[in-house]
Amino acid sequence: MSVSIRRVLPHEFFATSGRFVANSLAMQLDAREMLRFSKALHSVAHCCDAILTNPRTMPLSDVLVNGAIADMVVEGDAIVIFADANPKRGYATAHVPIGEIMAARADIGCTVFRPAQANALARQISRDITNRDTTSRRPCAELRHDDLVRLAAHFLGEETVARLREVTDGVPVLAIIGDTRPVGITSGQFFKSVTRLPGDWLGTSVPAGRC
């Protein structure tokens, strides 16, 4: 008899910040979509808990003590998260000014959602996550930041912008999950949510909102 052992993540047992964000996406899915996007939902929750709200991921400095990435979000900023439903891929996140996404939206002419373009960009982000290409002139983190901004531009309409800027009781989050696999019932399908990252931020910068 073979036994499969995997690490249990906090959001699977506790009502973490990551679980809150993942649930905002999960409530949009039916039973079949839940099965296909399960990996992406776990990735979103893990990203929030292990990266965004974890003080250990931020280097200590003279201006930030016991702080997390979420501490650095100020008014007019937001966190963007993309997680791929493809189990061979992963997730990416960036702290960006909302205005930067709007500028990218104007540059690429995103007046309506273009699923083919969004899917191509999402695949590029996923490939970069797994390939860790170090031959580029730009650092990997900078490439992922720019690509996430452009991906977010495909999903950020006027209504979405207004909802992000209305978040005052936590850090604004645009969470996106997509299935970049070439085949399957959800291939090329995306879901997004505009929500908040709840929590008590301990950093020295002034956050967009406190709980």
Protein backbone atom coordinates (compact mmCIF):
# COMPACT_ATOMS: atom_id res chain seq x y z
CA MET A 1 0.00 0.00 0.00
CA SER A 2 1.41 3.40 -0.99
CA VAL A 3 0.82 6.46 1.15
CA SER A 4 0.92 9.99 -0.24
CA ILE A 5 2.21 12.59 2.20
CA ARG A 6 2.01 16.32 1.58
CA ARG A 7 2.43 19.38 3.73
CA VAL A 8 -0.84 20.67 5.17
CA LEU A 9 -1.19 24.42 4.70
CA PRO A 10 -2.63 26.74 7.40
CA HIS A 11 -5.59 27.87 5.28
CA GLU A 12 -6.84 24.28 5.08
CA PHE A 13 -7.61 24.35 8.80
CA PHE A 14 -7.78 27.98 9.86
CA ALA A 15 -9.64 31.06 8.64
CA THR A 16 -6.49 32.78 7.37
CA SER A 17 -6.24 35.89 5.22
CA GLY A 18 -5.38 33.66 2.28
CA ARG A 19 -8.48 31.56 2.79
CA PHE A 20 -10.59 34.74 2.78
CA VAL A 21 -9.18 35.79 -0.61
CA ALA A 22 -9.40 32.29 -2.10
CA ASN A 23 -13.01 31.99 -0.98
CA SER A 24 -13.88 35.16 -2.92
CA LEU A 25 -12.90 33.22 -6.04
CA ALA A 26 -14.24 29.82 -5.01
CA MET A 27 -17.79 31.13 -4.60
CA GLN A 28 -17.85 31.85 -8.35
CA LEU A 29 -17.10 28.25 -9.35
CA ASP A 30 -19.37 25.29 -9.92
CA ALA A 31 -18.43 21.73 -8.89
CA ARG A 32 -16.48 20.89 -12.06
CA GLU A 33 -14.65 24.21 -12.05
CA MET A 34 -13.75 23.74 -8.38
CA LEU A 35 -12.08 20.45 -9.24
CA ARG A 36 -10.11 21.98 -12.11
CA PHE A 37 -9.11 25.16 -10.22
CA SER A 38 -8.34 23.54 -6.86
CA LYS A 39 -4.58 23.95 -7.30
CA ALA A 40 -4.97 27.63 -8.21
CA LEU A 41 -7.18 28.34 -5.18
CA HIS A 42 -4.64 26.74 -2.84
CA SER A 43 -1.90 28.79 -4.52
CA VAL A 44 -3.80 32.05 -3.95
CA ALA A 45 -4.29 31.25 -0.27
CA HIS A 46 -0.68 30.15 0.18
CA CYS A 47 0.59 33.29 -1.57
CA CYS A 48 -1.34 35.52 0.83
CA ASP A 49 -0.36 33.63 3.98
CA ALA A 50 3.24 32.66 3.22
CA ILE A 51 4.35 35.69 1.19
CA LEU A 52 2.18 38.78 1.53
CA THR A 53 1.38 38.74 5.26
CA ASN A 54 4.47 36.90 6.50
CA PRO A 55 7.00 39.27 8.12
CA ARG A 56 9.77 36.72 7.56
CA THR A 57 9.65 37.32 3.79
CA MET A 58 10.68 40.97 4.20
CA PRO A 59 14.35 41.75 4.96
CA LEU A 60 14.95 43.73 8.13
CA SER A 61 15.84 47.37 7.59
CA ASP A 62 16.03 50.68 9.44
CA VAL A 63 12.55 51.68 8.21
CA LEU A 64 10.66 48.39 8.53
CA VAL A 65 10.65 46.12 11.57
CA ASN A 66 8.41 43.06 11.86
CA GLY A 67 6.67 44.16 8.68
CA ALA A 68 5.26 42.25 5.74
CA ILE A 69 4.76 43.07 2.06
CA ALA A 70 1.16 43.97 2.85
CA ASP A 71 2.45 46.70 5.16
CA MET A 72 3.87 48.57 2.20
CA VAL A 73 0.50 49.02 0.48
CA VAL A 74 -0.69 52.63 0.71
CA GLU A 75 -3.71 54.44 -0.67
CA GLY A 76 -3.83 54.11 -4.45
CA ASP A 77 -1.96 50.79 -4.43
CA ALA A 78 -3.17 47.21 -4.66
CA ILE A 79 -1.88 43.65 -4.56
CA VAL A 80 -2.23 41.62 -7.78
CA ILE A 81 -2.15 37.82 -7.58
CA PHE A 82 -2.27 35.37 -10.48
CA ALA A 83 -2.43 31.61 -9.92
CA ASP A 84 -2.46 28.99 -12.67
CA ALA A 85 -4.82 26.02 -12.53
CA ASN A 86 -2.14 23.99 -14.31
CA PRO A 87 -0.61 21.89 -11.50
CA LYS A 88 2.80 22.16 -13.18
CA ARG A 89 2.77 25.94 -12.86
CA GLY A 90 2.55 28.22 -9.85
CA TYR A 91 1.61 31.73 -8.80
CA ALA A 92 2.94 35.26 -9.03
CA THR A 93 2.16 38.41 -7.10
CA ALA A 94 3.05 42.09 -7.22
CA HIS A 95 2.43 45.26 -5.23
CA VAL A 96 1.46 47.88 -7.81
CA PRO A 97 -0.08 51.35 -8.04
CA ILE A 98 -3.59 51.13 -9.49
CA GLY A 99 -2.69 53.99 -11.81
CA GLU A 100 0.11 51.87 -13.30
CA ILE A 101 -2.42 49.21 -14.27
CA MET A 102 -4.70 51.86 -15.77
CA ALA A 103 -1.79 53.20 -17.85
CA ALA A 104 -1.07 49.68 -19.12
CA ARG A 105 -4.75 49.28 -19.95
CA ALA A 106 -4.62 52.41 -22.10
CA ASP A 107 -1.38 51.29 -23.80
CA ILE A 108 -2.75 47.92 -24.91
CA GLY A 109 -6.22 49.28 -25.69
CA CYS A 110 -8.14 47.03 -23.31
CA THR A 111 -11.60 48.43 -23.83
CA VAL A 112 -13.13 44.93 -23.72
CA PHE A 113 -11.89 41.65 -22.28
CA ARG A 114 -9.77 39.74 -24.79
CA PRO A 115 -9.49 36.14 -23.56
CA ALA A 116 -6.94 35.02 -26.16
CA GLN A 117 -4.52 37.84 -25.27
CA ALA A 118 -5.04 37.31 -21.54
CA ASN A 119 -4.43 33.58 -21.93
CA ALA A 120 -1.22 34.11 -23.92
CA LEU A 121 0.09 36.51 -21.29
CA ALA A 122 -0.90 34.18 -18.45
CA ARG A 123 0.98 31.34 -20.13
CA GLN A 124 4.04 33.56 -20.41
CA ILE A 125 3.87 34.39 -16.71
CA SER A 126 3.50 30.71 -15.83
CA ARG A 127 6.44 29.73 -18.03
CA ASP A 128 8.60 32.41 -16.41
CA ILE A 129 7.65 31.14 -12.94
CA THR A 130 8.79 27.60 -13.72
CA ASN A 131 11.72 28.40 -16.01
CA ARG A 132 13.33 31.07 -13.81
CA ASP A 133 15.01 32.56 -16.89
CA THR A 134 18.20 34.37 -15.81
CA THR A 135 19.44 35.22 -19.31
CA SER A 136 17.17 38.27 -19.68
CA ARG A 137 18.59 41.77 -19.34
CA ARG A 138 15.89 42.56 -16.82
CA PRO A 139 15.65 40.81 -13.44
CA CYS A 140 13.01 38.08 -13.17
CA ALA A 141 11.13 40.03 -10.50
CA GLU A 142 10.91 43.08 -12.78
CA LEU A 143 9.67 40.96 -15.68
CA ARG A 144 7.00 39.33 -13.54
CA HIS A 145 5.93 42.72 -12.19
CA ASP A 146 5.44 44.16 -15.67
CA ASP A 147 3.65 41.06 -16.95
CA LEU A 148 1.32 41.02 -13.93
CA VAL A 149 0.50 44.68 -14.50
CA ARG A 150 -0.39 43.93 -18.13
CA LEU A 151 -2.43 40.87 -17.15
CA ALA A 152 -4.32 42.88 -14.54
CA ALA A 153 -5.05 45.50 -17.22
CA HIS A 154 -7.15 42.92 -19.06
CA PHE A 155 -9.40 42.54 -16.03
CA LEU A 156 -9.43 46.07 -14.63
CA GLY A 157 -12.42 47.99 -15.94
CA GLU A 158 -13.85 51.19 -14.49
CA GLU A 159 -16.09 49.24 -12.11
CA THR A 160 -13.18 47.11 -10.92
CA VAL A 161 -11.04 50.19 -10.32
CA ALA A 162 -13.80 51.79 -8.28
CA ARG A 163 -14.17 48.65 -6.16
CA LEU A 164 -10.43 48.48 -5.50
CA ARG A 165 -10.35 52.11 -4.41
CA GLU A 166 -13.38 51.63 -2.17
CA VAL A 167 -11.52 49.09 -0.01
CA THR A 168 -10.86 50.81 3.31
CA ASP A 169 -10.96 47.93 5.79
CA GLY A 170 -7.96 46.01 4.50
CA VAL A 171 -5.40 45.86 1.71
CA PRO A 172 -7.04 45.88 -1.78
CA VAL A 173 -6.44 42.70 -3.78
CA LEU A 174 -7.11 41.81 -7.40
CA ALA A 175 -6.94 38.00 -7.47
CA ILE A 176 -6.97 36.18 -10.81
CA ILE A 177 -7.01 32.46 -11.51
CA GLY A 178 -6.72 31.02 -15.00
CA ASP A 179 -6.37 27.65 -16.68
CA THR A 180 -3.53 27.80 -19.20
CA ARG A 181 -3.69 24.09 -20.02
CA PRO A 182 -4.26 23.55 -23.77
CA VAL A 183 -7.13 21.10 -23.26
CA GLY A 184 -9.89 20.57 -20.73
CA ILE A 185 -13.33 21.91 -19.92
CA THR A 186 -11.87 25.05 -18.33
CA SER A 187 -8.97 25.60 -20.74
CA GLY A 188 -8.46 29.33 -21.30
CA GLN A 189 -11.01 30.23 -18.63
CA PHE A 190 -10.40 32.97 -16.04
CA PHE A 191 -12.01 34.16 -12.82
CA LYS A 192 -11.23 37.32 -10.91
CA SER A 193 -12.21 38.86 -7.61
CA VAL A 194 -11.75 42.28 -6.11
CA THR A 195 -11.47 41.86 -2.39
CA ARG A 196 -9.31 42.80 0.57
CA LEU A 197 -6.47 41.19 2.45
CA PRO A 198 -7.61 41.33 6.07
CA GLY A 199 -5.15 41.35 8.90
CA ASP A 200 -3.24 43.39 11.46
CA TRP A 201 -0.23 44.97 9.78
CA LEU A 202 2.73 45.72 12.03
CA GLY A 203 5.02 47.63 9.69
CA THR A 204 6.01 51.26 9.95
CA SER A 205 4.41 52.40 6.69
CA VAL A 206 0.83 53.59 6.61
CA PRO A 207 -1.33 50.84 5.03
CA ALA A 208 -4.39 51.40 2.87
CA GLY A 209 -6.60 50.00 5.60
CA ARG A 210 -6.43 48.31 8.98
CA CYS A 211 -8.57 45.61 10.52
